[in-house]
Amino acid sequence: MRNGRMTKYCCQMMKSNVESRCEQHPNRYHCPDCLIDYWPSSRRFGIMIHDYGAPPEETSRGSMIVINYCPWCGTKLPPKTSRKSQISS
């Protein structure tokens, strides 16, 4: 958090986990090494569920368990943004 505002990532560990990519798995949800995802449409971070719902070649997102605090530094993550508030902005 800087100047009372949350930057996209609260710490380097969060950034490296959200931005990690795997050469073996084109879809992050198929890679067991990818742990955290960020959904910009709702500003939510979460632990990825590797449920393999989509074929490996698809880039669609799988499921995730939303988290409210960073698992590494403990920073409170930003609140969910609804589609209505995005449209009215």
N, C-alpha and C. Protein backbone atom coordinates (compact mmCIF):
# COMPACT_ATOMS: atom_id res chain seq x y z
N MET A 1 0.85 -1.16 0.00
CA MET A 1 0.00 0.00 0.00
C MET A 1 0.90 1.23 0.00
N ARG A 2 0.61 2.15 -0.87
CA ARG A 2 1.40 3.38 -0.96
C ARG A 2 0.48 4.58 -0.91
N ASN A 3 0.81 5.54 -0.07
CA ASN A 3 0.00 6.76 0.07
C ASN A 3 -1.47 6.44 0.31
N GLY A 4 -1.74 5.39 1.09
CA GLY A 4 -3.11 5.03 1.40
C GLY A 4 -3.84 4.31 0.28
N ARG A 5 -3.18 4.07 -0.85
CA ARG A 5 -3.81 3.39 -1.98
C ARG A 5 -3.08 2.09 -2.26
N MET A 6 -3.83 1.08 -2.60
CA MET A 6 -3.27 -0.23 -2.90
C MET A 6 -2.74 -0.24 -4.33
N THR A 7 -1.49 -0.62 -4.49
CA THR A 7 -0.98 -0.84 -5.84
C THR A 7 -1.48 -2.21 -6.27
N LYS A 8 -1.28 -2.59 -7.51
CA LYS A 8 -1.81 -3.87 -7.98
C LYS A 8 -1.30 -5.03 -7.14
N TYR A 9 -0.03 -5.00 -6.78
CA TYR A 9 0.54 -6.08 -5.97
C TYR A 9 1.06 -5.51 -4.66
N CYS A 10 0.78 -6.21 -3.59
CA CYS A 10 1.19 -5.74 -2.27
C CYS A 10 2.64 -6.10 -1.95
N CYS A 11 3.17 -7.13 -2.62
CA CYS A 11 4.55 -7.53 -2.36
C CYS A 11 5.10 -8.28 -3.58
N GLN A 12 6.38 -8.48 -3.59
CA GLN A 12 7.04 -9.14 -4.72
C GLN A 12 6.61 -10.60 -4.87
N MET A 13 6.36 -11.28 -3.76
CA MET A 13 5.91 -12.68 -3.83
C MET A 13 4.54 -12.78 -4.51
N MET A 14 3.65 -11.86 -4.18
CA MET A 14 2.32 -11.87 -4.81
C MET A 14 2.48 -11.62 -6.30
N LYS A 15 3.28 -10.63 -6.65
CA LYS A 15 3.49 -10.31 -8.07
C LYS A 15 4.07 -11.50 -8.82
N SER A 16 5.09 -12.12 -8.28
CA SER A 16 5.73 -13.23 -9.00
C SER A 16 4.79 -14.43 -9.13
N ASN A 17 3.92 -14.65 -8.15
CA ASN A 17 2.98 -15.76 -8.25
C ASN A 17 1.86 -15.49 -9.24
N VAL A 18 1.35 -14.27 -9.27
CA VAL A 18 0.27 -13.94 -10.21
C VAL A 18 0.79 -13.91 -11.65
N GLU A 19 2.01 -13.46 -11.84
CA GLU A 19 2.55 -13.32 -13.19
C GLU A 19 3.32 -14.54 -13.68
N SER A 20 3.41 -15.59 -12.88
CA SER A 20 4.18 -16.77 -13.29
C SER A 20 3.55 -17.44 -14.51
N ARG A 21 4.40 -17.92 -15.38
CA ARG A 21 3.97 -18.64 -16.58
C ARG A 21 4.78 -19.92 -16.68
N CYS A 22 4.20 -20.92 -17.30
CA CYS A 22 4.84 -22.22 -17.42
C CYS A 22 4.99 -22.59 -18.89
N GLU A 23 6.15 -23.08 -19.26
CA GLU A 23 6.38 -23.48 -20.65
C GLU A 23 5.64 -24.77 -21.00
N GLN A 24 5.36 -25.61 -20.01
CA GLN A 24 4.70 -26.89 -20.27
C GLN A 24 3.19 -26.78 -20.35
N HIS A 25 2.61 -25.76 -19.73
CA HIS A 25 1.16 -25.63 -19.66
C HIS A 25 0.72 -24.26 -20.18
N PRO A 26 0.09 -24.21 -21.36
CA PRO A 26 -0.35 -22.92 -21.89
C PRO A 26 -1.45 -22.28 -21.02
N ASN A 27 -2.21 -23.09 -20.31
CA ASN A 27 -3.25 -22.58 -19.42
C ASN A 27 -2.72 -22.66 -17.99
N ARG A 28 -2.64 -21.52 -17.30
CA ARG A 28 -2.11 -21.49 -15.93
C ARG A 28 -2.88 -22.41 -14.99
N TYR A 29 -4.16 -22.63 -15.26
CA TYR A 29 -4.97 -23.48 -14.39
C TYR A 29 -4.64 -24.96 -14.54
N HIS A 30 -3.81 -25.29 -15.49
CA HIS A 30 -3.37 -26.67 -15.67
C HIS A 30 -1.97 -26.88 -15.10
N CYS A 31 -1.35 -25.83 -14.63
CA CYS A 31 0.01 -25.92 -14.09
C CYS A 31 -0.03 -26.00 -12.57
N PRO A 32 0.48 -27.07 -11.98
CA PRO A 32 0.46 -27.20 -10.52
C PRO A 32 1.38 -26.20 -9.81
N ASP A 33 2.27 -25.55 -10.55
CA ASP A 33 3.16 -24.56 -9.93
C ASP A 33 2.53 -23.17 -9.83
N CYS A 34 1.45 -22.93 -10.56
CA CYS A 34 0.75 -21.64 -10.49
C CYS A 34 -0.25 -21.72 -9.35
N LEU A 35 -0.12 -20.81 -8.39
CA LEU A 35 -0.92 -20.90 -7.17
C LEU A 35 -1.97 -19.80 -7.02
N ILE A 36 -1.64 -18.58 -7.44
CA ILE A 36 -2.49 -17.42 -7.19
C ILE A 36 -2.88 -16.79 -8.52
N ASP A 37 -4.14 -16.36 -8.62
CA ASP A 37 -4.59 -15.66 -9.83
C ASP A 37 -5.22 -14.34 -9.42
N TYR A 38 -5.34 -13.44 -10.39
CA TYR A 38 -5.96 -12.14 -10.19
C TYR A 38 -6.98 -11.94 -11.28
N TRP A 39 -8.21 -11.61 -10.91
CA TRP A 39 -9.26 -11.34 -11.88
C TRP A 39 -9.49 -9.84 -11.90
N PRO A 40 -8.96 -9.14 -12.91
CA PRO A 40 -9.05 -7.68 -12.95
C PRO A 40 -10.48 -7.15 -13.02
N SER A 41 -11.39 -7.91 -13.61
CA SER A 41 -12.77 -7.41 -13.74
C SER A 41 -13.43 -7.18 -12.39
N SER A 42 -13.04 -7.95 -11.39
CA SER A 42 -13.62 -7.77 -10.06
C SER A 42 -12.57 -7.38 -9.02
N ARG A 43 -11.33 -7.23 -9.46
CA ARG A 43 -10.20 -6.90 -8.58
C ARG A 43 -10.04 -7.92 -7.45
N ARG A 44 -10.20 -9.20 -7.77
CA ARG A 44 -10.11 -10.25 -6.77
C ARG A 44 -8.86 -11.10 -6.99
N PHE A 45 -8.21 -11.44 -5.88
CA PHE A 45 -7.10 -12.38 -5.88
C PHE A 45 -7.63 -13.69 -5.30
N GLY A 46 -7.04 -14.80 -5.72
CA GLY A 46 -7.49 -16.06 -5.16
C GLY A 46 -6.51 -17.19 -5.38
N ILE A 47 -6.74 -18.25 -4.62
CA ILE A 47 -5.97 -19.48 -4.76
C ILE A 47 -6.61 -20.28 -5.88
N MET A 48 -5.81 -20.62 -6.85
CA MET A 48 -6.32 -21.33 -8.03
C MET A 48 -6.72 -22.76 -7.67
N ILE A 49 -7.86 -23.18 -8.21
CA ILE A 49 -8.30 -24.56 -8.06
C ILE A 49 -7.98 -25.26 -9.37
N HIS A 50 -7.13 -26.22 -9.29
CA HIS A 50 -6.69 -26.94 -10.49
C HIS A 50 -7.67 -28.06 -10.79
N ASP A 51 -8.88 -27.66 -11.21
CA ASP A 51 -9.94 -28.63 -11.46
C ASP A 51 -9.97 -29.11 -12.90
N TYR A 52 -9.09 -28.57 -13.72
CA TYR A 52 -8.94 -29.02 -15.10
C TYR A 52 -10.26 -29.01 -15.86
N GLY A 53 -11.06 -27.99 -15.60
CA GLY A 53 -12.35 -27.87 -16.27
C GLY A 53 -12.23 -27.57 -17.75
N ALA A 54 -11.18 -26.88 -18.16
CA ALA A 54 -11.01 -26.52 -19.57
C ALA A 54 -9.91 -27.37 -20.19
N PRO A 55 -10.01 -27.67 -21.48
CA PRO A 55 -8.93 -28.39 -22.15
C PRO A 55 -7.62 -27.62 -22.04
N PRO A 56 -6.48 -28.30 -22.03
CA PRO A 56 -5.18 -27.64 -21.84
C PRO A 56 -4.89 -26.51 -22.83
N GLU A 57 -5.40 -26.61 -24.05
CA GLU A 57 -5.09 -25.58 -25.04
C GLU A 57 -5.94 -24.32 -24.87
N GLU A 58 -7.00 -24.40 -24.10
CA GLU A 58 -7.85 -23.22 -23.88
C GLU A 58 -7.19 -22.27 -22.90
N THR A 59 -7.47 -21.00 -23.06
CA THR A 59 -6.92 -19.99 -22.16
C THR A 59 -7.96 -19.52 -21.15
N SER A 60 -9.10 -20.21 -21.09
CA SER A 60 -10.13 -19.81 -20.14
C SER A 60 -9.67 -20.03 -18.71
N ARG A 61 -10.24 -19.26 -17.83
CA ARG A 61 -9.90 -19.37 -16.42
C ARG A 61 -10.66 -20.53 -15.79
N GLY A 62 -10.04 -21.10 -14.79
CA GLY A 62 -10.71 -22.12 -14.00
C GLY A 62 -11.38 -21.46 -12.81
N SER A 63 -11.39 -22.17 -11.71
CA SER A 63 -12.00 -21.66 -10.49
C SER A 63 -10.92 -21.18 -9.53
N MET A 64 -11.33 -20.36 -8.57
CA MET A 64 -10.40 -19.95 -7.53
C MET A 64 -11.16 -19.69 -6.24
N ILE A 65 -10.44 -19.81 -5.14
CA ILE A 65 -10.98 -19.46 -3.83
C ILE A 65 -10.48 -18.06 -3.52
N VAL A 66 -11.41 -17.13 -3.39
CA VAL A 66 -11.06 -15.73 -3.16
C VAL A 66 -10.36 -15.58 -1.81
N ILE A 67 -9.31 -14.77 -1.80
CA ILE A 67 -8.59 -14.48 -0.55
C ILE A 67 -8.70 -12.99 -0.27
N ASN A 68 -8.72 -12.63 0.99
CA ASN A 68 -8.84 -11.23 1.40
C ASN A 68 -7.53 -10.65 1.91
N TYR A 69 -6.56 -11.52 2.18
CA TYR A 69 -5.26 -11.09 2.68
C TYR A 69 -4.16 -11.80 1.91
N CYS A 70 -3.07 -11.12 1.71
CA CYS A 70 -1.92 -11.73 1.02
C CYS A 70 -1.36 -12.86 1.88
N PRO A 71 -1.15 -14.04 1.29
CA PRO A 71 -0.61 -15.15 2.07
C PRO A 71 0.86 -14.98 2.45
N TRP A 72 1.55 -14.01 1.85
CA TRP A 72 2.97 -13.81 2.15
C TRP A 72 3.22 -12.64 3.10
N CYS A 73 2.60 -11.50 2.84
CA CYS A 73 2.90 -10.33 3.68
C CYS A 73 1.74 -9.94 4.60
N GLY A 74 0.56 -10.53 4.40
CA GLY A 74 -0.57 -10.27 5.27
C GLY A 74 -1.36 -9.01 4.97
N THR A 75 -1.00 -8.30 3.90
CA THR A 75 -1.71 -7.08 3.54
C THR A 75 -3.16 -7.38 3.17
N LYS A 76 -4.08 -6.54 3.64
CA LYS A 76 -5.49 -6.68 3.25
C LYS A 76 -5.59 -6.32 1.77
N LEU A 77 -6.21 -7.19 1.01
CA LEU A 77 -6.34 -6.99 -0.44
C LEU A 77 -7.55 -6.11 -0.73
N PRO A 78 -7.60 -5.47 -1.91
CA PRO A 78 -8.69 -4.54 -2.20
C PRO A 78 -10.05 -5.23 -2.22
N PRO A 79 -11.09 -4.47 -1.89
CA PRO A 79 -12.44 -5.06 -1.91
C PRO A 79 -12.88 -5.36 -3.33
N LYS A 80 -13.83 -6.27 -3.43
CA LYS A 80 -14.38 -6.65 -4.73
C LYS A 80 -15.02 -5.44 -5.40
N THR A 81 -14.86 -5.35 -6.71
CA THR A 81 -15.51 -4.31 -7.49
C THR A 81 -16.63 -4.97 -8.28
N SER A 82 -17.82 -4.43 -8.17
CA SER A 82 -18.94 -5.00 -8.92
C SER A 82 -18.96 -4.44 -10.33
N ARG A 83 -19.62 -5.14 -11.23
CA ARG A 83 -19.74 -4.66 -12.61
C ARG A 83 -20.49 -3.34 -12.67
N LYS A 84 -21.48 -3.15 -11.80
CA LYS A 84 -22.25 -1.91 -11.80
C LYS A 84 -21.36 -0.72 -11.49
N SER A 85 -20.47 -0.86 -10.51
CA SER A 85 -19.60 0.27 -10.16
C SER A 85 -18.59 0.54 -11.26
N GLN A 86 -18.20 -0.49 -12.02
CA GLN A 86 -17.28 -0.28 -13.13
C GLN A 86 -17.97 0.45 -14.27
N ILE A 87 -19.23 0.13 -14.52
CA ILE A 87 -19.98 0.74 -15.61
C ILE A 87 -20.26 2.21 -15.31
N SER A 88 -20.58 2.51 -14.05
CA SER A 88 -20.93 3.89 -13.69
C SER A 88 -19.71 4.78 -13.54
N SER A 89 -18.51 4.20 -13.51
CA SER A 89 -17.29 5.01 -13.35
C SER A 89 -16.91 5.72 -14.61
